[in-house]
């Protein structure tokens, strides 16, 4: 498994099946939502997964198992929890080797401000096609 170091405090989230028995007449929730606050400098062992997290994070995430997670209500979760940190995490993770050297730094793609041409590429192509069509039409008429 790869090792990752946190560059700032971050909360990892995940889910676990709910095996609790509810009171008569009630249906227990299917999943327990888990979270764990991680501190800057902590090292986690995990791997990249493409599973979408239940906490709205879509796409690739770093999945890791840990103890000490709590439910969203603050109740300690006693089993080993599978938690996720999205790869697009605003620079909270960096992949390190066994010596602690940085291999890869994961940043958020949405923080990169696209240029005007990247943003409006399709519109510019349509305008260009219309201009070419106009001149071709004008030449055909004469």
C-alpha atoms as a PDB file:
ATOM      1  CA  UNK A   1       0.000   0.000   0.000  1.00  0.00           C
ATOM      2  CA  UNK A   2       1.073   3.538  -0.661  1.00  0.00           C
ATOM      3  CA  UNK A   3       1.765   6.003   2.131  1.00  0.00           C
ATOM      4  CA  UNK A   4       0.219   9.452   2.288  1.00  0.00           C
ATOM      5  CA  UNK A   5       1.054  12.369   4.583  1.00  0.00           C
ATOM      6  CA  UNK A   6      -1.477  15.054   5.457  1.00  0.00           C
ATOM      7  CA  UNK A   7      -0.329  18.604   4.767  1.00  0.00           C
ATOM      8  CA  UNK A   8      -3.146  20.107   6.855  1.00  0.00           C
ATOM      9  CA  UNK A   9      -5.946  18.978   9.177  1.00  0.00           C
ATOM     10  CA  UNK A  10      -8.632  17.070   7.278  1.00  0.00           C
ATOM     11  CA  UNK A  11     -11.728  14.979   8.018  1.00  0.00           C
ATOM     12  CA  UNK A  12     -12.008  11.622   6.291  1.00  0.00           C
ATOM     13  CA  UNK A  13     -15.501  10.222   5.750  1.00  0.00           C
ATOM     14  CA  UNK A  14     -16.990   6.839   5.027  1.00  0.00           C
ATOM     15  CA  UNK A  15     -19.844   4.468   5.677  1.00  0.00           C
ATOM     16  CA  UNK A  16     -20.322   1.103   7.351  1.00  0.00           C
ATOM     17  CA  UNK A  17     -23.271  -1.301   7.356  1.00  0.00           C
ATOM     18  CA  UNK A  18     -25.605  -0.771  10.292  1.00  0.00           C
ATOM     19  CA  UNK A  19     -26.054  -3.988  12.268  1.00  0.00           C
ATOM     20  CA  UNK A  20     -27.970  -2.366  15.118  1.00  0.00           C
ATOM     21  CA  UNK A  21     -31.369  -3.674  16.124  1.00  0.00           C
ATOM     22  CA  UNK A  22     -34.011  -0.986  16.280  1.00  0.00           C
ATOM     23  CA  UNK A  23     -37.084  -0.716  18.457  1.00  0.00           C
ATOM     24  CA  UNK A  24     -40.282  -2.476  17.448  1.00  0.00           C
ATOM     25  CA  UNK A  25     -42.033  -0.720  14.582  1.00  0.00           C
ATOM     26  CA  UNK A  26     -38.932   1.185  13.400  1.00  0.00           C
ATOM     27  CA  UNK A  27     -36.605   0.448  10.537  1.00  0.00           C
ATOM     28  CA  UNK A  28     -32.924   1.072  11.305  1.00  0.00           C
ATOM     29  CA  UNK A  29     -30.862   2.993   8.738  1.00  0.00           C
ATOM     30  CA  UNK A  30     -28.984   0.724   6.341  1.00  0.00           C
ATOM     31  CA  UNK A  31     -25.685   2.616   6.734  1.00  0.00           C
ATOM     32  CA  UNK A  32     -23.808   4.365   9.516  1.00  0.00           C
ATOM     33  CA  UNK A  33     -21.984   7.492   8.387  1.00  0.00           C
ATOM     34  CA  UNK A  34     -18.478   7.715   9.847  1.00  0.00           C
ATOM     35  CA  UNK A  35     -15.921  10.473  10.121  1.00  0.00           C
ATOM     36  CA  UNK A  36     -12.475  10.915  11.615  1.00  0.00           C
ATOM     37  CA  UNK A  37     -10.514  14.117  12.077  1.00  0.00           C
ATOM     38  CA  UNK A  38      -6.927  13.680  10.931  1.00  0.00           C
ATOM     39  CA  UNK A  39      -4.111  15.996  11.994  1.00  0.00           C
ATOM     40  CA  UNK A  40      -1.435  17.618   9.866  1.00  0.00           C
ATOM     41  CA  UNK A  41       1.615  15.361   9.509  1.00  0.00           C
ATOM     42  CA  UNK A  42      -0.260  12.067  10.085  1.00  0.00           C
ATOM     43  CA  UNK A  43       0.741   9.260   7.744  1.00  0.00           C
ATOM     44  CA  UNK A  44      -1.899   6.873   6.426  1.00  0.00           C
ATOM     45  CA  UNK A  45      -1.536   3.675   4.408  1.00  0.00           C
ATOM     46  CA  UNK A  46      -4.104   3.390   1.658  1.00  0.00           C
ATOM     47  CA  UNK A  47      -4.821   2.889  -1.970  1.00  0.00           C
ATOM     48  CA  UNK A  48      -6.618   4.700  -4.753  1.00  0.00           C
ATOM     49  CA  UNK A  49     -10.171   3.569  -5.365  1.00  0.00           C
ATOM     50  CA  UNK A  50     -12.743   4.755  -7.891  1.00  0.00           C
ATOM     51  CA  UNK A  51     -15.668   4.152  -5.573  1.00  0.00           C
ATOM     52  CA  UNK A  52     -17.881   7.214  -5.078  1.00  0.00           C
ATOM     53  CA  UNK A  53     -18.177   8.206  -1.437  1.00  0.00           C
ATOM     54  CA  UNK A  54     -21.597   8.564   0.138  1.00  0.00           C
ATOM     55  CA  UNK A  55     -20.545  12.018   1.354  1.00  0.00           C
ATOM     56  CA  UNK A  56     -21.040  13.647  -2.076  1.00  0.00           C
ATOM     57  CA  UNK A  57     -17.408  13.095  -3.147  1.00  0.00           C
ATOM     58  CA  UNK A  58     -17.389  11.701  -6.675  1.00  0.00           C
ATOM     59  CA  UNK A  59     -14.520  10.013  -8.452  1.00  0.00           C
ATOM     60  CA  UNK A  60     -11.211   8.689  -7.197  1.00  0.00           C
ATOM     61  CA  UNK A  61     -10.422   8.669  -3.505  1.00  0.00           C
ATOM     62  CA  UNK A  62      -7.728   7.374  -1.199  1.00  0.00           C
ATOM     63  CA  UNK A  63      -9.265   4.532   0.816  1.00  0.00           C
ATOM     64  CA  UNK A  64      -7.736   3.491   4.136  1.00  0.00           C
ATOM     65  CA  UNK A  65      -8.727   1.468   7.192  1.00  0.00           C
ATOM     66  CA  UNK A  66      -8.472   2.955  10.647  1.00  0.00           C
ATOM     67  CA  UNK A  67      -9.655   2.712  14.223  1.00  0.00           C
ATOM     68  CA  UNK A  68     -11.042   5.633  16.184  1.00  0.00           C
ATOM     69  CA  UNK A  69     -13.732   6.796  13.769  1.00  0.00           C
ATOM     70  CA  UNK A  70     -16.958   8.260  15.117  1.00  0.00           C
ATOM     71  CA  UNK A  71     -20.471   8.469  13.741  1.00  0.00           C
ATOM     72  CA  UNK A  72     -21.773  11.820  12.587  1.00  0.00           C
ATOM     73  CA  UNK A  73     -23.524  12.099  15.979  1.00  0.00           C
ATOM     74  CA  UNK A  74     -20.166  11.737  17.779  1.00  0.00           C
ATOM     75  CA  UNK A  75     -20.649   8.134  18.978  1.00  0.00           C
ATOM     76  CA  UNK A  76     -17.364   6.143  18.832  1.00  0.00           C
ATOM     77  CA  UNK A  77     -17.305   3.346  16.253  1.00  0.00           C
ATOM     78  CA  UNK A  78     -15.598   0.283  17.719  1.00  0.00           C
ATOM     79  CA  UNK A  79     -14.765  -1.687  14.543  1.00  0.00           C
ATOM     80  CA  UNK A  80     -12.179  -1.082  11.858  1.00  0.00           C
ATOM     81  CA  UNK A  81     -13.613   1.631   9.575  1.00  0.00           C
ATOM     82  CA  UNK A  82     -13.020   2.118   5.862  1.00  0.00           C
ATOM     83  CA  UNK A  83     -12.713   5.852   5.238  1.00  0.00           C
ATOM     84  CA  UNK A  84     -12.112   7.912   2.120  1.00  0.00           C
ATOM     85  CA  UNK A  85     -10.273  11.129   1.290  1.00  0.00           C
ATOM     86  CA  UNK A  86     -10.981  12.409  -2.233  1.00  0.00           C
ATOM     87  CA  UNK A  87      -7.949  12.926  -4.447  1.00  0.00           C
ATOM     88  CA  UNK A  88      -9.260  16.413  -5.260  1.00  0.00           C
ATOM     89  CA  UNK A  89      -8.776  17.559  -1.669  1.00  0.00           C
ATOM     90  CA  UNK A  90      -7.430  21.102  -1.930  1.00  0.00           C
ATOM     91  CA  UNK A  91      -3.858  19.919  -1.363  1.00  0.00           C
ATOM     92  CA  UNK A  92      -4.422  18.019   1.884  1.00  0.00           C
ATOM     93  CA  UNK A  93      -2.499  14.887   0.833  1.00  0.00           C
ATOM     94  CA  UNK A  94       0.903  14.105  -0.553  1.00  0.00           C
ATOM     95  CA  UNK A  95       2.142  10.647  -1.485  1.00  0.00           C
ATOM     96  CA  UNK A  96       5.462   9.764   0.141  1.00  0.00           C
ATOM     97  CA  UNK A  97       7.996   6.976  -0.189  1.00  0.00           C
ATOM     98  CA  UNK A  98       9.504   4.917   2.649  1.00  0.00           C
ATOM     99  CA  UNK A  99      12.085   7.656   3.375  1.00  0.00           C
ATOM    100  CA  UNK A 100       9.429  10.390   3.677  1.00  0.00           C
ATOM    101  CA  UNK A 101      10.229  12.045   0.332  1.00  0.00           C
ATOM    102  CA  UNK A 102       7.267  13.464  -1.595  1.00  0.00           C
ATOM    103  CA  UNK A 103       6.364  11.454  -4.701  1.00  0.00           C
ATOM    104  CA  UNK A 104       3.093  13.099  -5.720  1.00  0.00           C
ATOM    105  CA  UNK A 105       1.058  15.985  -4.353  1.00  0.00           C
ATOM    106  CA  UNK A 106      -2.698  15.761  -4.838  1.00  0.00           C
ATOM    107  CA  UNK A 107      -4.417  19.067  -5.501  1.00  0.00           C
ATOM    108  CA  UNK A 108      -7.912  20.044  -6.500  1.00  0.00           C
ATOM    109  CA  UNK A 109      -8.535  20.399 -10.219  1.00  0.00           C
ATOM    110  CA  UNK A 110     -11.298  22.919  -9.641  1.00  0.00           C
ATOM    111  CA  UNK A 111      -8.824  25.380  -8.114  1.00  0.00           C
ATOM    112  CA  UNK A 112      -7.062  25.779 -11.461  1.00  0.00           C
ATOM    113  CA  UNK A 113      -8.547  28.786 -13.232  1.00  0.00           C
ATOM    114  CA  UNK A 114      -9.042  27.877 -16.904  1.00  0.00           C
ATOM    115  CA  UNK A 115      -8.054  30.417 -19.533  1.00  0.00           C
ATOM    116  CA  UNK A 116     -10.618  32.289 -21.644  1.00  0.00           C
ATOM    117  CA  UNK A 117      -9.981  30.047 -24.654  1.00  0.00           C
ATOM    118  CA  UNK A 118     -10.363  26.846 -22.600  1.00  0.00           C
ATOM    119  CA  UNK A 119     -13.617  28.119 -21.104  1.00  0.00           C
ATOM    120  CA  UNK A 120     -15.198  29.279 -24.361  1.00  0.00           C
ATOM    121  CA  UNK A 121     -13.667  26.884 -26.905  1.00  0.00           C
ATOM    122  CA  UNK A 122     -17.025  25.617 -28.202  1.00  0.00           C
ATOM    123  CA  UNK A 123     -18.491  29.105 -28.508  1.00  0.00           C
ATOM    124  CA  UNK A 124     -15.450  30.325 -30.424  1.00  0.00           C
ATOM    125  CA  UNK A 125     -15.684  27.382 -32.835  1.00  0.00           C
ATOM    126  CA  UNK A 126     -19.356  28.137 -33.504  1.00  0.00           C
ATOM    127  CA  UNK A 127     -18.635  31.839 -34.110  1.00  0.00           C
ATOM    128  CA  UNK A 128     -15.755  30.917 -36.443  1.00  0.00           C
ATOM    129  CA  UNK A 129     -17.984  28.533 -38.419  1.00  0.00           C
ATOM    130  CA  UNK A 130     -20.659  31.233 -38.743  1.00  0.00           C
ATOM    131  CA  UNK A 131     -18.119  33.807 -39.974  1.00  0.00           C
ATOM    132  CA  UNK A 132     -16.714  31.352 -42.550  1.00  0.00           C
ATOM    133  CA  UNK A 133     -20.242  30.493 -43.656  1.00  0.00           C
ATOM    134  CA  UNK A 134     -21.097  34.165 -44.037  1.00  0.00           C
ATOM    135  CA  UNK A 135     -18.095  34.859 -46.263  1.00  0.00           C
ATOM    136  CA  UNK A 136     -18.721  31.700 -48.310  1.00  0.00           C
ATOM    137  CA  UNK A 137     -22.356  32.770 -48.818  1.00  0.00           C
ATOM    138  CA  UNK A 138     -21.297  36.303 -49.744  1.00  0.00           C
ATOM    139  CA  UNK A 139     -18.807  34.971 -52.327  1.00  0.00           C
ATOM    140  CA  UNK A 140     -21.433  32.611 -53.787  1.00  0.00           C
ATOM    141  CA  UNK A 141     -23.991  35.441 -54.214  1.00  0.00           C
ATOM    142  CA  UNK A 142     -21.572  37.634 -56.275  1.00  0.00           C
END
